[in-house]
């Protein structure tokens, strides 16, 4: 039986639902890791400003890709750059994208 989820008022199933479930798990894992002082958010100081981009943001993928280009030019580790590129590609496949409100 295919997975069916309601995303922003629309039903989605199949590959899109699988990606949606995977990304929700990633968000959940990031929240859990932050609470354990692990991962990107976990490493941030309590008073350090952070900016989070979500896949539903129609501007996010382009900005993450730009970050990857600049990070590569600055000599950041290749695996970190590739991780950002993969994330940008996944963001582009997000089933519902909108401009920030």
N, C-alpha and C. Protein backbone atom coordinates (compact mmCIF):
# COMPACT_ATOMS: atom_id res chain seq x y z
N UNK A 1 0.85 -1.18 0.00
CA UNK A 1 0.00 0.00 0.00
C UNK A 1 0.90 1.25 0.00
N UNK A 2 0.71 2.18 -0.92
CA UNK A 2 1.56 3.37 -0.97
C UNK A 2 1.30 4.30 0.21
N UNK A 3 2.35 5.00 0.60
CA UNK A 3 2.21 6.00 1.66
C UNK A 3 1.51 7.22 1.10
N UNK A 4 0.56 7.76 1.84
CA UNK A 4 -0.13 8.98 1.41
C UNK A 4 -0.06 9.97 2.57
N UNK A 5 0.39 11.16 2.27
CA UNK A 5 0.50 12.22 3.26
C UNK A 5 -0.22 13.45 2.74
N UNK A 6 -0.68 14.27 3.64
CA UNK A 6 -1.28 15.55 3.27
C UNK A 6 -0.22 16.61 3.52
N UNK A 7 0.20 17.27 2.46
CA UNK A 7 1.23 18.31 2.54
C UNK A 7 0.60 19.61 2.06
N UNK A 8 0.55 20.60 2.92
CA UNK A 8 -0.03 21.92 2.59
C UNK A 8 -1.41 21.75 1.93
N UNK A 9 -2.22 20.85 2.50
CA UNK A 9 -3.58 20.69 2.02
C UNK A 9 -3.72 19.79 0.81
N UNK A 10 -2.60 19.24 0.28
CA UNK A 10 -2.66 18.39 -0.90
C UNK A 10 -2.16 17.00 -0.55
N UNK A 11 -2.80 15.98 -1.11
CA UNK A 11 -2.34 14.62 -0.88
C UNK A 11 -1.15 14.35 -1.79
N UNK A 12 -0.18 13.60 -1.25
CA UNK A 12 0.96 13.18 -2.05
C UNK A 12 1.26 11.73 -1.70
N UNK A 13 1.74 10.96 -2.67
CA UNK A 13 2.03 9.56 -2.41
C UNK A 13 3.24 9.14 -3.24
N UNK A 14 3.62 7.89 -3.09
CA UNK A 14 4.73 7.34 -3.86
C UNK A 14 6.05 7.97 -3.51
N UNK A 15 6.86 8.28 -4.53
CA UNK A 15 8.21 8.83 -4.34
C UNK A 15 8.19 10.14 -3.56
N UNK A 16 7.25 11.01 -3.85
CA UNK A 16 7.17 12.28 -3.13
C UNK A 16 6.89 12.04 -1.66
N UNK A 17 6.03 11.10 -1.34
CA UNK A 17 5.73 10.79 0.06
C UNK A 17 6.95 10.20 0.74
N UNK A 18 7.68 9.33 0.03
CA UNK A 18 8.90 8.76 0.61
C UNK A 18 9.90 9.85 0.93
N UNK A 19 10.10 10.82 0.03
CA UNK A 19 11.02 11.93 0.29
C UNK A 19 10.53 12.76 1.46
N UNK A 20 9.21 13.00 1.49
CA UNK A 20 8.63 13.80 2.57
C UNK A 20 8.89 13.13 3.91
N UNK A 21 8.65 11.82 3.98
CA UNK A 21 8.87 11.09 5.23
C UNK A 21 10.35 11.13 5.60
N UNK A 22 11.24 10.94 4.65
CA UNK A 22 12.68 10.97 4.91
C UNK A 22 13.10 12.33 5.43
N UNK A 23 12.64 13.39 4.80
CA UNK A 23 13.03 14.72 5.24
C UNK A 23 12.46 15.05 6.61
N UNK A 24 11.27 14.59 6.90
CA UNK A 24 10.73 14.82 8.24
C UNK A 24 11.60 14.10 9.25
N UNK A 25 12.06 12.90 8.93
CA UNK A 25 12.94 12.18 9.84
C UNK A 25 14.24 12.95 10.02
N UNK A 26 14.75 13.53 8.97
CA UNK A 26 15.98 14.32 9.09
C UNK A 26 15.76 15.52 9.99
N UNK A 27 14.64 16.18 9.85
CA UNK A 27 14.35 17.32 10.72
C UNK A 27 14.25 16.85 12.17
N UNK A 28 13.60 15.73 12.38
CA UNK A 28 13.47 15.18 13.73
C UNK A 28 14.85 14.85 14.29
N UNK A 29 15.70 14.22 13.48
CA UNK A 29 17.04 13.86 13.93
C UNK A 29 17.84 15.11 14.27
N UNK A 30 17.73 16.16 13.45
CA UNK A 30 18.45 17.40 13.74
C UNK A 30 18.00 17.99 15.07
N UNK A 31 16.71 17.96 15.35
CA UNK A 31 16.21 18.48 16.63
C UNK A 31 16.77 17.65 17.79
N UNK A 32 16.76 16.33 17.63
CA UNK A 32 17.28 15.46 18.69
C UNK A 32 18.78 15.67 18.87
N UNK A 33 19.52 15.79 17.77
CA UNK A 33 20.96 16.02 17.86
C UNK A 33 21.27 17.36 18.51
N UNK A 34 20.51 18.38 18.19
CA UNK A 34 20.75 19.70 18.79
C UNK A 34 20.58 19.63 20.30
N UNK A 35 19.58 18.88 20.75
CA UNK A 35 19.36 18.74 22.20
C UNK A 35 20.54 18.04 22.87
N UNK A 36 21.25 17.20 22.09
CA UNK A 36 22.42 16.48 22.62
C UNK A 36 23.72 17.23 22.36
N UNK A 37 23.60 18.45 21.82
CA UNK A 37 24.76 19.28 21.46
C UNK A 37 25.58 18.64 20.34
N UNK A 38 24.90 17.97 19.42
CA UNK A 38 25.53 17.35 18.25
C UNK A 38 25.03 18.04 16.99
N UNK A 39 25.73 17.84 15.89
CA UNK A 39 25.30 18.38 14.61
C UNK A 39 25.48 19.89 14.53
N UNK A 40 25.05 20.45 13.43
CA UNK A 40 25.20 21.88 13.16
C UNK A 40 24.59 22.75 14.25
N UNK A 41 23.34 22.52 14.57
CA UNK A 41 22.67 23.32 15.59
C UNK A 41 23.21 23.04 16.98
N UNK A 42 23.61 21.81 17.22
CA UNK A 42 24.16 21.46 18.52
C UNK A 42 25.50 22.12 18.79
N UNK A 43 26.25 22.41 17.74
CA UNK A 43 27.55 23.06 17.89
C UNK A 43 27.43 24.57 18.07
N UNK A 44 26.27 25.13 17.74
CA UNK A 44 26.09 26.58 17.85
C UNK A 44 26.01 27.00 19.31
N UNK A 45 26.62 28.14 19.59
CA UNK A 45 26.52 28.70 20.94
C UNK A 45 25.06 29.05 21.22
N UNK A 46 24.67 29.01 22.48
CA UNK A 46 23.28 29.28 22.84
C UNK A 46 22.81 30.65 22.36
N UNK A 47 23.71 31.62 22.30
CA UNK A 47 23.33 32.97 21.87
C UNK A 47 23.79 33.29 20.45
N UNK A 48 24.20 32.26 19.69
CA UNK A 48 24.67 32.46 18.31
C UNK A 48 23.48 32.57 17.36
N UNK A 49 23.42 33.62 16.55
CA UNK A 49 22.33 33.72 15.56
C UNK A 49 22.47 32.61 14.50
N UNK A 50 21.36 32.01 14.14
CA UNK A 50 21.33 30.99 13.09
C UNK A 50 20.19 31.33 12.14
N UNK A 51 20.26 30.79 10.93
CA UNK A 51 19.22 31.01 9.93
C UNK A 51 18.92 29.66 9.32
N UNK A 52 17.68 29.22 9.38
CA UNK A 52 17.29 27.90 8.88
C UNK A 52 16.47 28.06 7.61
N UNK A 53 16.85 27.32 6.59
CA UNK A 53 16.09 27.28 5.34
C UNK A 53 15.38 25.94 5.26
N UNK A 54 14.11 25.99 4.94
CA UNK A 54 13.32 24.77 4.79
C UNK A 54 13.12 24.46 3.32
N UNK A 55 12.95 23.17 3.01
CA UNK A 55 12.76 22.74 1.63
C UNK A 55 11.53 23.38 1.00
N UNK A 56 10.51 23.69 1.78
CA UNK A 56 9.30 24.29 1.21
C UNK A 56 9.53 25.71 0.72
N UNK A 57 10.62 26.34 1.15
CA UNK A 57 10.94 27.71 0.73
C UNK A 57 11.46 27.67 -0.70
N UNK A 58 10.75 28.29 -1.62
CA UNK A 58 11.12 28.26 -3.04
C UNK A 58 12.48 28.89 -3.30
N UNK A 59 12.99 29.66 -2.38
CA UNK A 59 14.30 30.31 -2.55
C UNK A 59 15.44 29.47 -1.97
N UNK A 60 15.14 28.48 -1.16
CA UNK A 60 16.14 27.76 -0.38
C UNK A 60 17.16 27.01 -1.22
N UNK A 61 16.72 26.23 -2.19
CA UNK A 61 17.64 25.39 -2.96
C UNK A 61 18.71 26.23 -3.66
N UNK A 62 18.31 27.33 -4.25
CA UNK A 62 19.27 28.20 -4.94
C UNK A 62 20.28 28.78 -3.95
N UNK A 63 19.82 29.15 -2.78
CA UNK A 63 20.73 29.72 -1.78
C UNK A 63 21.70 28.67 -1.25
N UNK A 64 21.24 27.45 -1.05
CA UNK A 64 22.12 26.37 -0.59
C UNK A 64 23.16 26.06 -1.68
N UNK A 65 22.74 26.03 -2.93
CA UNK A 65 23.68 25.80 -4.03
C UNK A 65 24.72 26.91 -4.09
N UNK A 66 24.31 28.15 -3.93
CA UNK A 66 25.25 29.26 -3.91
C UNK A 66 26.24 29.11 -2.75
N UNK A 67 25.76 28.70 -1.60
CA UNK A 67 26.64 28.45 -0.45
C UNK A 67 27.68 27.40 -0.82
N UNK A 68 27.25 26.32 -1.48
CA UNK A 68 28.16 25.24 -1.87
C UNK A 68 29.24 25.75 -2.83
N UNK A 69 28.85 26.59 -3.78
CA UNK A 69 29.82 27.16 -4.73
C UNK A 69 30.84 28.00 -3.99
N UNK A 70 30.38 28.85 -3.10
CA UNK A 70 31.29 29.72 -2.34
C UNK A 70 32.15 28.91 -1.37
N UNK A 71 31.58 27.88 -0.77
CA UNK A 71 32.34 27.03 0.16
C UNK A 71 33.44 26.28 -0.58
N UNK A 72 33.13 25.79 -1.79
CA UNK A 72 34.15 25.11 -2.60
C UNK A 72 35.27 26.07 -2.94
N UNK A 73 34.93 27.28 -3.34
CA UNK A 73 35.93 28.30 -3.70
C UNK A 73 36.79 28.68 -2.49
N UNK A 74 36.22 28.60 -1.30
CA UNK A 74 36.95 28.96 -0.07
C UNK A 74 37.80 27.80 0.45
N UNK A 75 37.69 26.64 -0.20
CA UNK A 75 38.51 25.50 0.20
C UNK A 75 37.90 24.63 1.28
N UNK A 76 36.59 24.72 1.48
CA UNK A 76 35.93 23.85 2.46
C UNK A 76 36.05 22.39 2.03
N UNK A 77 35.95 21.47 2.97
CA UNK A 77 36.06 20.05 2.63
C UNK A 77 35.05 19.64 1.55
N UNK A 78 35.52 18.82 0.63
CA UNK A 78 34.71 18.38 -0.50
C UNK A 78 33.44 17.68 -0.03
N UNK A 79 33.53 16.87 1.01
CA UNK A 79 32.34 16.15 1.47
C UNK A 79 31.28 17.11 2.03
N UNK A 80 31.68 18.20 2.65
CA UNK A 80 30.73 19.19 3.16
C UNK A 80 30.05 19.92 2.00
N UNK A 81 30.83 20.23 0.96
CA UNK A 81 30.28 20.89 -0.23
C UNK A 81 29.28 19.96 -0.92
N UNK A 82 29.66 18.70 -1.07
CA UNK A 82 28.78 17.73 -1.74
C UNK A 82 27.49 17.53 -0.94
N UNK A 83 27.61 17.52 0.38
CA UNK A 83 26.43 17.39 1.23
C UNK A 83 25.45 18.53 0.96
N UNK A 84 25.97 19.75 0.84
CA UNK A 84 25.12 20.90 0.55
C UNK A 84 24.50 20.78 -0.84
N UNK A 85 25.27 20.33 -1.82
CA UNK A 85 24.74 20.17 -3.18
C UNK A 85 23.62 19.12 -3.20
N UNK A 86 23.84 18.02 -2.49
CA UNK A 86 22.80 16.98 -2.42
C UNK A 86 21.54 17.50 -1.75
N UNK A 87 21.72 18.29 -0.71
CA UNK A 87 20.57 18.87 -0.01
C UNK A 87 19.81 19.81 -0.94
N UNK A 88 20.53 20.63 -1.70
CA UNK A 88 19.88 21.55 -2.65
C UNK A 88 19.06 20.77 -3.68
N UNK A 89 19.61 19.65 -4.17
CA UNK A 89 18.88 18.83 -5.14
C UNK A 89 17.62 18.25 -4.51
N UNK A 90 17.74 17.80 -3.26
CA UNK A 90 16.57 17.24 -2.57
C UNK A 90 15.52 18.32 -2.33
N UNK A 91 15.97 19.52 -2.00
CA UNK A 91 15.03 20.64 -1.81
C UNK A 91 14.24 20.92 -3.08
N UNK A 92 14.90 20.83 -4.23
CA UNK A 92 14.22 21.07 -5.50
C UNK A 92 13.14 20.04 -5.77
N UNK A 93 13.28 18.85 -5.21
CA UNK A 93 12.30 17.78 -5.41
C UNK A 93 11.20 17.80 -4.35
N UNK A 94 11.25 18.74 -3.42
CA UNK A 94 10.23 18.80 -2.37
C UNK A 94 8.86 18.99 -3.02
N UNK A 95 7.84 18.23 -2.59
CA UNK A 95 6.57 18.24 -3.31
C UNK A 95 5.81 19.57 -3.27
N UNK A 96 5.95 20.36 -2.24
CA UNK A 96 5.23 21.63 -2.15
C UNK A 96 6.24 22.71 -1.81
N UNK A 97 6.39 23.69 -2.72
CA UNK A 97 7.32 24.79 -2.49
C UNK A 97 6.54 26.08 -2.62
N UNK A 98 6.91 27.05 -1.78
CA UNK A 98 6.22 28.34 -1.81
C UNK A 98 7.20 29.42 -1.40
N UNK A 99 6.83 30.65 -1.68
CA UNK A 99 7.66 31.77 -1.22
C UNK A 99 7.32 32.06 0.23
N UNK A 100 8.31 32.54 0.99
CA UNK A 100 8.05 32.82 2.41
C UNK A 100 6.87 33.77 2.60
N UNK A 101 6.15 33.54 3.67
CA UNK A 101 5.01 34.41 3.96
C UNK A 101 5.24 35.19 5.25
